[in-house]
Each structure stands twice: as structure tokens, then as C-alpha cells.
Amino acid sequence: MGKLFESNQKYPAVARTRNQQGSLELVFEFDNGQLVNVSVKQSSGFSVLDNAAVEVGRKMKLPPFPGNLAQRKFSFVLPVNYRLQGS
């Protein structure tokens, strides 16, 4: 999941201009194999970065879950980093 997120992640232009960087945690909630919610568990301190991460999470195309995971309600936390090159 982390690799899939990273392949879709783009650095927000506004955050780059303002030299904003940080780490955050996203919570992904699933029900019957479907993504039902993506939210910020721990903020980066910058709403631009938090909102960009949530948007990426909501738009990701996830593969089907195997076996009984597709029929359960569950959630997990994904750490996300936004770092500018050279920092």
C-alpha cells in the first residue's frame, strides 16, 4: 500500500513554494473490501500537505483484497512523508 501511495503522491506546489515539509499519518477504513474513509490521524502541521495526502488516498486504485479480508470491516494507518530534495 505504501508503494502504491508513493507512486501517486505529488508534492503540492504551494507547499513547495512555502518550503513546507513534514510527516503525517493517514487512516484508511474499509468495509466489505471497499474503501469508505481516508482521514488524518496525525497532522504534518500543514493543511496543504494533509489535504494532498487525503486526496491521493481517496483516488488510489486498490487491488481486490484476498479471502475474508474482502468481507470484513478494518482499518490501518499509513505513514506519509513530504520532504523537499536537499533537506
PDB file of N, CA and C in Angstrom:
ATOM      1  N   MET A   1       0.826  -1.191   0.000  1.00  0.00           N
ATOM      2  CA  MET A   1       0.000   0.000   0.000  1.00  0.00           C
ATOM      3  C   MET A   1       0.874   1.260   0.000  1.00  0.00           C
ATOM      4  N   GLY A   2       1.960   1.209   0.756  1.00  0.00           N
ATOM      5  CA  GLY A   2       2.856   2.362   0.808  1.00  0.00           C
ATOM      6  C   GLY A   2       3.464   2.689  -0.542  1.00  0.00           C
ATOM      7  N   LYS A   3       3.882   1.654  -1.273  1.00  0.00           N
ATOM      8  CA  LYS A   3       4.475   1.861  -2.602  1.00  0.00           C
ATOM      9  C   LYS A   3       3.447   2.435  -3.574  1.00  0.00           C
ATOM     10  N   LEU A   4       2.217   1.934  -3.492  1.00  0.00           N
ATOM     11  CA  LEU A   4       1.148   2.438  -4.351  1.00  0.00           C
ATOM     12  C   LEU A   4       0.878   3.906  -4.048  1.00  0.00           C
ATOM     13  N   PHE A   5       0.853   4.254  -2.763  1.00  0.00           N
ATOM     14  CA  PHE A   5       0.637   5.647  -2.371  1.00  0.00           C
ATOM     15  C   PHE A   5       1.760   6.519  -2.923  1.00  0.00           C
ATOM     16  N   GLU A   6       2.997   6.103  -2.696  1.00  0.00           N
ATOM     17  CA  GLU A   6       4.146   6.891  -3.150  1.00  0.00           C
ATOM     18  C   GLU A   6       4.153   7.097  -4.656  1.00  0.00           C
ATOM     19  N   SER A   7       3.696   6.105  -5.411  1.00  0.00           N
ATOM     20  CA  SER A   7       3.682   6.244  -6.871  1.00  0.00           C
ATOM     21  C   SER A   7       2.634   7.254  -7.344  1.00  0.00           C
ATOM     22  N   ASN A   8       1.649   7.557  -6.494  1.00  0.00           N
ATOM     23  CA  ASN A   8       0.603   8.527  -6.835  1.00  0.00           C
ATOM     24  C   ASN A   8       0.811   9.886  -6.165  1.00  0.00           C
ATOM     25  N   GLN A   9       1.748   9.957  -5.238  1.00  0.00           N
ATOM     26  CA  GLN A   9       1.977  11.163  -4.443  1.00  0.00           C
ATOM     27  C   GLN A   9       2.691  12.235  -5.261  1.00  0.00           C
ATOM     28  N   LYS A  10       2.189  13.454  -5.171  1.00  0.00           N
ATOM     29  CA  LYS A  10       2.833  14.609  -5.797  1.00  0.00           C
ATOM     30  C   LYS A  10       3.002  15.681  -4.721  1.00  0.00           C
ATOM     31  N   TYR A  11       4.093  16.407  -4.796  1.00  0.00           N
ATOM     32  CA  TYR A  11       4.332  17.470  -3.818  1.00  0.00           C
ATOM     33  C   TYR A  11       3.480  18.674  -4.201  1.00  0.00           C
ATOM     34  N   PRO A  12       2.624  19.152  -3.302  1.00  0.00           N
ATOM     35  CA  PRO A  12       1.792  20.318  -3.631  1.00  0.00           C
ATOM     36  C   PRO A  12       2.664  21.544  -3.941  1.00  0.00           C
ATOM     37  N   ALA A  13       2.370  22.217  -5.033  1.00  0.00           N
ATOM     38  CA  ALA A  13       3.162  23.373  -5.464  1.00  0.00           C
ATOM     39  C   ALA A  13       3.204  24.461  -4.398  1.00  0.00           C
ATOM     40  N   VAL A  14       2.072  24.707  -3.747  1.00  0.00           N
ATOM     41  CA  VAL A  14       2.012  25.746  -2.705  1.00  0.00           C
ATOM     42  C   VAL A  14       2.957  25.395  -1.562  1.00  0.00           C
ATOM     43  N   ALA A  15       2.964  24.130  -1.160  1.00  0.00           N
ATOM     44  CA  ALA A  15       3.841  23.694  -0.069  1.00  0.00           C
ATOM     45  C   ALA A  15       5.308  23.809  -0.479  1.00  0.00           C
ATOM     46  N   ARG A  16       5.602  23.488  -1.722  1.00  0.00           N
ATOM     47  CA  ARG A  16       6.981  23.595  -2.217  1.00  0.00           C
ATOM     48  C   ARG A  16       7.433  25.058  -2.180  1.00  0.00           C
ATOM     49  N   THR A  17       6.575  25.966  -2.649  1.00  0.00           N
ATOM     50  CA  THR A  17       6.896  27.391  -2.660  1.00  0.00           C
ATOM     51  C   THR A  17       7.143  27.916  -1.250  1.00  0.00           C
ATOM     52  N   ARG A  18       6.360  27.423  -0.298  1.00  0.00           N
ATOM     53  CA  ARG A  18       6.474  27.864   1.103  1.00  0.00           C
ATOM     54  C   ARG A  18       7.518  27.066   1.887  1.00  0.00           C
ATOM     55  N   ASN A  19       8.204  26.156   1.208  1.00  0.00           N
ATOM     56  CA  ASN A  19       9.221  25.316   1.844  1.00  0.00           C
ATOM     57  C   ASN A  19       8.646  24.483   2.997  1.00  0.00           C
ATOM     58  N   GLN A  20       7.411  24.020   2.829  1.00  0.00           N
ATOM     59  CA  GLN A  20       6.743  23.222   3.853  1.00  0.00           C
ATOM     60  C   GLN A  20       7.043  21.746   3.635  1.00  0.00           C
ATOM     61  N   GLN A  21       7.399  21.076   4.703  1.00  0.00           N
ATOM     62  CA  GLN A  21       7.608  19.639   4.658  1.00  0.00           C
ATOM     63  C   GLN A  21       7.217  19.051   6.003  1.00  0.00           C
ATOM     64  N   GLY A  22       6.958  17.764   6.015  1.00  0.00           N
ATOM     65  CA  GLY A  22       6.582  17.129   7.266  1.00  0.00           C
ATOM     66  C   GLY A  22       6.092  15.714   7.059  1.00  0.00           C
ATOM     67  N   SER A  23       5.758  15.086   8.178  1.00  0.00           N
ATOM     68  CA  SER A  23       5.253  13.715   8.188  1.00  0.00           C
ATOM     69  C   SER A  23       3.862  13.706   8.793  1.00  0.00           C
ATOM     70  N   LEU A  24       3.040  12.793   8.306  1.00  0.00           N
ATOM     71  CA  LEU A  24       1.686  12.660   8.821  1.00  0.00           C
ATOM     72  C   LEU A  24       1.293  11.200   8.798  1.00  0.00           C
ATOM     73  N   GLU A  25       0.159  10.899   9.407  1.00  0.00           N
ATOM     74  CA  GLU A  25      -0.378   9.544   9.375  1.00  0.00           C
ATOM     75  C   GLU A  25      -1.798   9.591   8.851  1.00  0.00           C
ATOM     76  N   LEU A  26      -2.082   8.733   7.875  1.00  0.00           N
ATOM     77  CA  LEU A  26      -3.428   8.599   7.325  1.00  0.00           C
ATOM     78  C   LEU A  26      -4.066   7.326   7.855  1.00  0.00           C
ATOM     79  N   VAL A  27      -5.374   7.380   8.103  1.00  0.00           N
ATOM     80  CA  VAL A  27      -6.135   6.192   8.467  1.00  0.00           C
ATOM     81  C   VAL A  27      -7.014   5.829   7.282  1.00  0.00           C
ATOM     82  N   PHE A  28      -6.884   4.593   6.804  1.00  0.00           N
ATOM     83  CA  PHE A  28      -7.719   4.054   5.738  1.00  0.00           C
ATOM     84  C   PHE A  28      -8.726   3.109   6.380  1.00  0.00           C
ATOM     85  N   GLU A  29     -10.022   3.341   6.126  1.00  0.00           N
ATOM     86  CA  GLU A  29     -11.070   2.488   6.687  1.00  0.00           C
ATOM     87  C   GLU A  29     -11.779   1.746   5.557  1.00  0.00           C
ATOM     88  N   PHE A  30     -11.930   0.436   5.735  1.00  0.00           N
ATOM     89  CA  PHE A  30     -12.546  -0.431   4.736  1.00  0.00           C
ATOM     90  C   PHE A  30     -13.741  -1.153   5.329  1.00  0.00           C
ATOM     91  N   ASP A  31     -14.728  -1.409   4.491  1.00  0.00           N
ATOM     92  CA  ASP A  31     -15.890  -2.210   4.873  1.00  0.00           C
ATOM     93  C   ASP A  31     -16.253  -3.077   3.675  1.00  0.00           C
ATOM     94  N   ASN A  32     -16.272  -4.378   3.878  1.00  0.00           N
ATOM     95  CA  ASN A  32     -16.567  -5.331   2.801  1.00  0.00           C
ATOM     96  C   ASN A  32     -15.673  -5.120   1.580  1.00  0.00           C
ATOM     97  N   GLY A  33     -14.395  -4.844   1.839  1.00  0.00           N
ATOM     98  CA  GLY A  33     -13.434  -4.694   0.757  1.00  0.00           C
ATOM     99  C   GLY A  33     -13.450  -3.349   0.060  1.00  0.00           C
ATOM    100  N   GLN A  34     -14.323  -2.446   0.480  1.00  0.00           N
ATOM    101  CA  GLN A  34     -14.429  -1.127  -0.148  1.00  0.00           C
ATOM    102  C   GLN A  34     -13.845  -0.052   0.765  1.00  0.00           C
ATOM    103  N   LEU A  35     -13.095   0.864   0.193  1.00  0.00           N
ATOM    104  CA  LEU A  35     -12.579   1.998   0.948  1.00  0.00           C
ATOM    105  C   LEU A  35     -13.740   2.925   1.269  1.00  0.00           C
ATOM    106  N   VAL A  36     -13.986   3.172   2.555  1.00  0.00           N
ATOM    107  CA  VAL A  36     -15.109   4.021   2.946  1.00  0.00           C
ATOM    108  C   VAL A  36     -14.666   5.363   3.511  1.00  0.00           C
ATOM    109  N   ASN A  37     -13.396   5.468   3.950  1.00  0.00           N
ATOM    110  CA  ASN A  37     -12.952   6.742   4.502  1.00  0.00           C
ATOM    111  C   ASN A  37     -11.428   6.805   4.548  1.00  0.00           C
ATOM    112  N   VAL A  38     -10.912   8.004   4.299  1.00  0.00           N
ATOM    113  CA  VAL A  38      -9.493   8.300   4.488  1.00  0.00           C
ATOM    114  C   VAL A  38      -9.440   9.571   5.316  1.00  0.00           C
ATOM    115  N   SER A  39      -8.710   9.537   6.419  1.00  0.00           N
ATOM    116  CA  SER A  39      -8.625  10.714   7.282  1.00  0.00           C
ATOM    117  C   SER A  39      -7.220  10.841   7.864  1.00  0.00           C
ATOM    118  N   VAL A  40      -6.932  12.011   8.405  1.00  0.00           N
ATOM    119  CA  VAL A  40      -5.633  12.279   9.012  1.00  0.00           C
ATOM    120  C   VAL A  40      -5.687  11.890  10.486  1.00  0.00           C
ATOM    121  N   LYS A  41      -4.813  10.991  10.884  1.00  0.00           N
ATOM    122  CA  LYS A  41      -4.705  10.603  12.298  1.00  0.00           C
ATOM    123  C   LYS A  41      -3.770  11.563  13.021  1.00  0.00           C
ATOM    124  N   GLN A  42      -2.626  11.853  12.382  1.00  0.00           N
ATOM    125  CA  GLN A  42      -1.662  12.798  12.942  1.00  0.00           C
ATOM    126  C   GLN A  42      -1.237  13.754  11.839  1.00  0.00           C
ATOM    127  N   SER A  43      -1.401  15.039  12.085  1.00  0.00           N
ATOM    128  CA  SER A  43      -1.137  16.066  11.084  1.00  0.00           C
ATOM    129  C   SER A  43       0.356  16.325  10.902  1.00  0.00           C
ATOM    130  N   SER A  44       0.681  16.779   9.710  1.00  0.00           N
ATOM    131  CA  SER A  44       2.046  17.219   9.407  1.00  0.00           C
ATOM    132  C   SER A  44       2.298  18.613   9.968  1.00  0.00           C
ATOM    133  N   GLY A  45       1.210  19.287  10.341  1.00  0.00           N
ATOM    134  CA  GLY A  45       1.311  20.669  10.775  1.00  0.00           C
ATOM    135  C   GLY A  45       0.989  21.646   9.654  1.00  0.00           C
ATOM    136  N   PHE A  46       0.781  21.112   8.448  1.00  0.00           N
ATOM    137  CA  PHE A  46       0.461  21.941   7.287  1.00  0.00           C
ATOM    138  C   PHE A  46      -0.767  21.362   6.593  1.00  0.00           C
ATOM    139  N   SER A  47      -1.847  22.124   6.567  1.00  0.00           N
ATOM    140  CA  SER A  47      -3.091  21.623   5.974  1.00  0.00           C
ATOM    141  C   SER A  47      -2.924  21.297   4.491  1.00  0.00           C
ATOM    142  N   VAL A  48      -2.064  22.016   3.794  1.00  0.00           N
ATOM    143  CA  VAL A  48      -1.835  21.745   2.369  1.00  0.00           C
ATOM    144  C   VAL A  48      -1.307  20.319   2.185  1.00  0.00           C
ATOM    145  N   LEU A  49      -0.353  19.913   3.008  1.00  0.00           N
ATOM    146  CA  LEU A  49       0.209  18.564   2.911  1.00  0.00           C
ATOM    147  C   LEU A  49      -0.811  17.516   3.352  1.00  0.00           C
ATOM    148  N   ASP A  50      -1.513  17.787   4.454  1.00  0.00           N
ATOM    149  CA  ASP A  50      -2.523  16.846   4.952  1.00  0.00           C
ATOM    150  C   ASP A  50      -3.610  16.619   3.907  1.00  0.00           C
ATOM    151  N   ASN A  51      -4.132  17.705   3.344  1.00  0.00           N
ATOM    152  CA  ASN A  51      -5.214  17.592   2.359  1.00  0.00           C
ATOM    153  C   ASN A  51      -4.752  16.889   1.086  1.00  0.00           C
ATOM    154  N   ALA A  52      -3.527  17.159   0.661  1.00  0.00           N
ATOM    155  CA  ALA A  52      -2.995  16.495  -0.535  1.00  0.00           C
ATOM    156  C   ALA A  52      -2.885  14.990  -0.305  1.00  0.00           C
ATOM    157  N   ALA A  53      -2.439  14.588   0.876  1.00  0.00           N
ATOM    158  CA  ALA A  53      -2.303  13.164   1.184  1.00  0.00           C
ATOM    159  C   ALA A  53      -3.665  12.477   1.213  1.00  0.00           C
ATOM    160  N   VAL A  54      -4.661  13.116   1.820  1.00  0.00           N
ATOM    161  CA  VAL A  54      -6.012  12.543   1.859  1.00  0.00           C
ATOM    162  C   VAL A  54      -6.548  12.376   0.440  1.00  0.00           C
ATOM    163  N   GLU A  55      -6.335  13.365  -0.401  1.00  0.00           N
ATOM    164  CA  GLU A  55      -6.817  13.287  -1.786  1.00  0.00           C
ATOM    165  C   GLU A  55      -6.167  12.122  -2.534  1.00  0.00           C
ATOM    166  N   VAL A  56      -4.862  11.944  -2.366  1.00  0.00           N
ATOM    167  CA  VAL A  56      -4.174  10.812  -3.002  1.00  0.00           C
ATOM    168  C   VAL A  56      -4.768   9.502  -2.502  1.00  0.00           C
ATOM    169  N   GLY A  57      -4.968   9.394  -1.198  1.00  0.00           N
ATOM    170  CA  GLY A  57      -5.533   8.176  -0.621  1.00  0.00           C
ATOM    171  C   GLY A  57      -6.902   7.845  -1.169  1.00  0.00           C
ATOM    172  N   ARG A  58      -7.729   8.847  -1.338  1.00  0.00           N
ATOM    173  CA  ARG A  58      -9.093   8.627  -1.847  1.00  0.00           C
ATOM    174  C   ARG A  58      -9.106   8.238  -3.320  1.00  0.00           C
ATOM    175  N   LYS A  59      -8.130   8.701  -4.084  1.00  0.00           N
ATOM    176  CA  LYS A  59      -8.121   8.459  -5.532  1.00  0.00           C
ATOM    177  C   LYS A  59      -7.359   7.203  -5.942  1.00  0.00           C
ATOM    178  N   MET A  60      -6.652   6.575  -5.012  1.00  0.00           N
ATOM    179  CA  MET A  60      -5.858   5.389  -5.366  1.00  0.00           C
ATOM    180  C   MET A  60      -6.750   4.258  -5.844  1.00  0.00           C
ATOM    181  N   LYS A  61      -6.274   3.551  -6.852  1.00  0.00           N
ATOM    182  CA  LYS A  61      -6.958   2.358  -7.364  1.00  0.00           C
ATOM    183  C   LYS A  61      -6.360   1.149  -6.660  1.00  0.00           C
ATOM    184  N   LEU A  62      -7.111   0.592  -5.742  1.00  0.00           N
ATOM    185  CA  LEU A  62      -6.610  -0.520  -4.936  1.00  0.00           C
ATOM    186  C   LEU A  62      -6.982  -1.862  -5.545  1.00  0.00           C
ATOM    187  N   PRO A  63      -6.080  -2.827  -5.464  1.00  0.00           N
ATOM    188  CA  PRO A  63      -6.420  -4.173  -5.944  1.00  0.00           C
ATOM    189  C   PRO A  63      -7.415  -4.825  -4.987  1.00  0.00           C
ATOM    190  N   PRO A  64      -8.151  -5.838  -5.445  1.00  0.00           N
ATOM    191  CA  PRO A  64      -9.089  -6.533  -4.561  1.00  0.00           C
ATOM    192  C   PRO A  64      -8.344  -7.195  -3.399  1.00  0.00           C
ATOM    193  N   PHE A  65      -8.990  -7.213  -2.244  1.00  0.00           N
ATOM    194  CA  PHE A  65      -8.395  -7.861  -1.082  1.00  0.00           C
ATOM    195  C   PHE A  65      -8.618  -9.362  -1.149  1.00  0.00           C
ATOM    196  N   PRO A  66      -7.648 -10.127  -0.688  1.00  0.00           N
ATOM    197  CA  PRO A  66      -7.776 -11.587  -0.747  1.00  0.00           C
ATOM    198  C   PRO A  66      -8.683 -12.147   0.350  1.00  0.00           C
ATOM    199  N   GLY A  67      -9.298 -13.274   0.051  1.00  0.00           N
ATOM    200  CA  GLY A  67     -10.037 -14.058   1.038  1.00  0.00           C
ATOM    201  C   GLY A  67     -11.035 -13.292   1.872  1.00  0.00           C
ATOM    202  N   ASN A  68     -11.004 -13.568   3.176  1.00  0.00           N
ATOM    203  CA  ASN A  68     -12.008 -12.983   4.063  1.00  0.00           C
ATOM    204  C   ASN A  68     -11.771 -11.508   4.370  1.00  0.00           C
ATOM    205  N   LEU A  69     -10.631 -10.947   3.991  1.00  0.00           N
ATOM    206  CA  LEU A  69     -10.429  -9.507   4.184  1.00  0.00           C
ATOM    207  C   LEU A  69     -11.457  -8.709   3.391  1.00  0.00           C
ATOM    208  N   ALA A  70     -11.861  -9.232   2.253  1.00  0.00           N
ATOM    209  CA  ALA A  70     -12.833  -8.539   1.403  1.00  0.00           C
ATOM    210  C   ALA A  70     -14.211  -8.504   2.043  1.00  0.00           C
ATOM    211  N   GLN A  71     -14.427  -9.273   3.097  1.00  0.00           N
ATOM    212  CA  GLN A  71     -15.745  -9.338   3.729  1.00  0.00           C
ATOM    213  C   GLN A  71     -15.724  -8.811   5.158  1.00  0.00           C
ATOM    214  N   ARG A  72     -14.696  -8.076   5.507  1.00  0.00           N
ATOM    215  CA  ARG A  72     -14.560  -7.575   6.869  1.00  0.00           C
ATOM    216  C   ARG A  72     -14.491  -6.065   6.903  1.00  0.00           C
ATOM    217  N   LYS A  73     -14.696  -5.541   8.100  1.00  0.00           N
ATOM    218  CA  LYS A  73     -14.510  -4.120   8.364  1.00  0.00           C
ATOM    219  C   LYS A  73     -13.162  -3.989   9.075  1.00  0.00           C
ATOM    220  N   PHE A  74     -12.277  -3.157   8.531  1.00  0.00           N
ATOM    221  CA  PHE A  74     -10.967  -2.981   9.160  1.00  0.00           C
ATOM    222  C   PHE A  74     -10.379  -1.634   8.762  1.00  0.00           C
ATOM    223  N   SER A  75      -9.335  -1.242   9.465  1.00  0.00           N
ATOM    224  CA  SER A  75      -8.636  -0.001   9.143  1.00  0.00           C
ATOM    225  C   SER A  75      -7.144  -0.208   9.371  1.00  0.00           C
ATOM    226  N   PHE A  76      -6.362   0.671   8.778  1.00  0.00           N
ATOM    227  CA  PHE A  76      -4.928   0.660   9.051  1.00  0.00           C
ATOM    228  C   PHE A  76      -4.371   2.059   8.865  1.00  0.00           C
ATOM    229  N   VAL A  77      -3.206   2.267   9.452  1.00  0.00           N
ATOM    230  CA  VAL A  77      -2.546   3.571   9.435  1.00  0.00           C
ATOM    231  C   VAL A  77      -1.361   3.510   8.476  1.00  0.00           C
ATOM    232  N   LEU A  78      -1.252   4.538   7.646  1.00  0.00           N
ATOM    233  CA  LEU A  78      -0.146   4.637   6.695  1.00  0.00           C
ATOM    234  C   LEU A  78       0.650   5.906   6.990  1.00  0.00           C
ATOM    235  N   PRO A  79       1.942   5.785   7.321  1.00  0.00           N
ATOM    236  CA  PRO A  79       2.766   6.985   7.487  1.00  0.00           C
ATOM    237  C   PRO A  79       3.099   7.582   6.117  1.00  0.00           C
ATOM    238  N   VAL A  80       3.052   8.903   6.037  1.00  0.00           N
ATOM    239  CA  VAL A  80       3.317   9.620   4.785  1.00  0.00           C
ATOM    240  C   VAL A  80       4.348  10.707   5.067  1.00  0.00           C
ATOM    241  N   ASN A  81       5.331  10.814   4.201  1.00  0.00           N
ATOM    242  CA  ASN A  81       6.366  11.839   4.349  1.00  0.00           C
ATOM    243  C   ASN A  81       6.382  12.759   3.143  1.00  0.00           C
ATOM    244  N   TYR A  82       6.500  14.032   3.425  1.00  0.00           N
ATOM    245  CA  TYR A  82       6.734  15.033   2.387  1.00  0.00           C
ATOM    246  C   TYR A  82       8.062  15.695   2.726  1.00  0.00           C
ATOM    247  N   ARG A  83       9.074  15.444   1.902  1.00  0.00           N
ATOM    248  CA  ARG A  83      10.405  16.010   2.111  1.00  0.00           C
ATOM    249  C   ARG A  83      10.874  16.662   0.817  1.00  0.00           C
ATOM    250  N   LEU A  84      11.367  17.871   0.949  1.00  0.00           N
ATOM    251  CA  LEU A  84      11.937  18.563  -0.203  1.00  0.00           C
ATOM    252  C   LEU A  84      13.351  18.048  -0.438  1.00  0.00           C
ATOM    253  N   GLN A  85      13.745  17.958  -1.685  1.00  0.00           N
ATOM    254  CA  GLN A  85      15.092  17.486  -2.026  1.00  0.00           C
ATOM    255  C   GLN A  85      16.123  18.424  -1.406  1.00  0.00           C
ATOM    256  N   GLY A  86      17.174  17.846  -0.873  1.00  0.00           N
ATOM    257  CA  GLY A  86      18.240  18.644  -0.281  1.00  0.00           C
ATOM    258  C   GLY A  86      17.979  19.035   1.154  1.00  0.00           C
ATOM    259  N   SER A  87      16.865  18.560   1.721  1.00  0.00           N
ATOM    260  CA  SER A  87      16.554  18.900   3.121  1.00  0.00           C
ATOM    261  C   SER A  87      16.847  17.736   4.027  1.00  0.00           C
TER     262      SER A  87
END
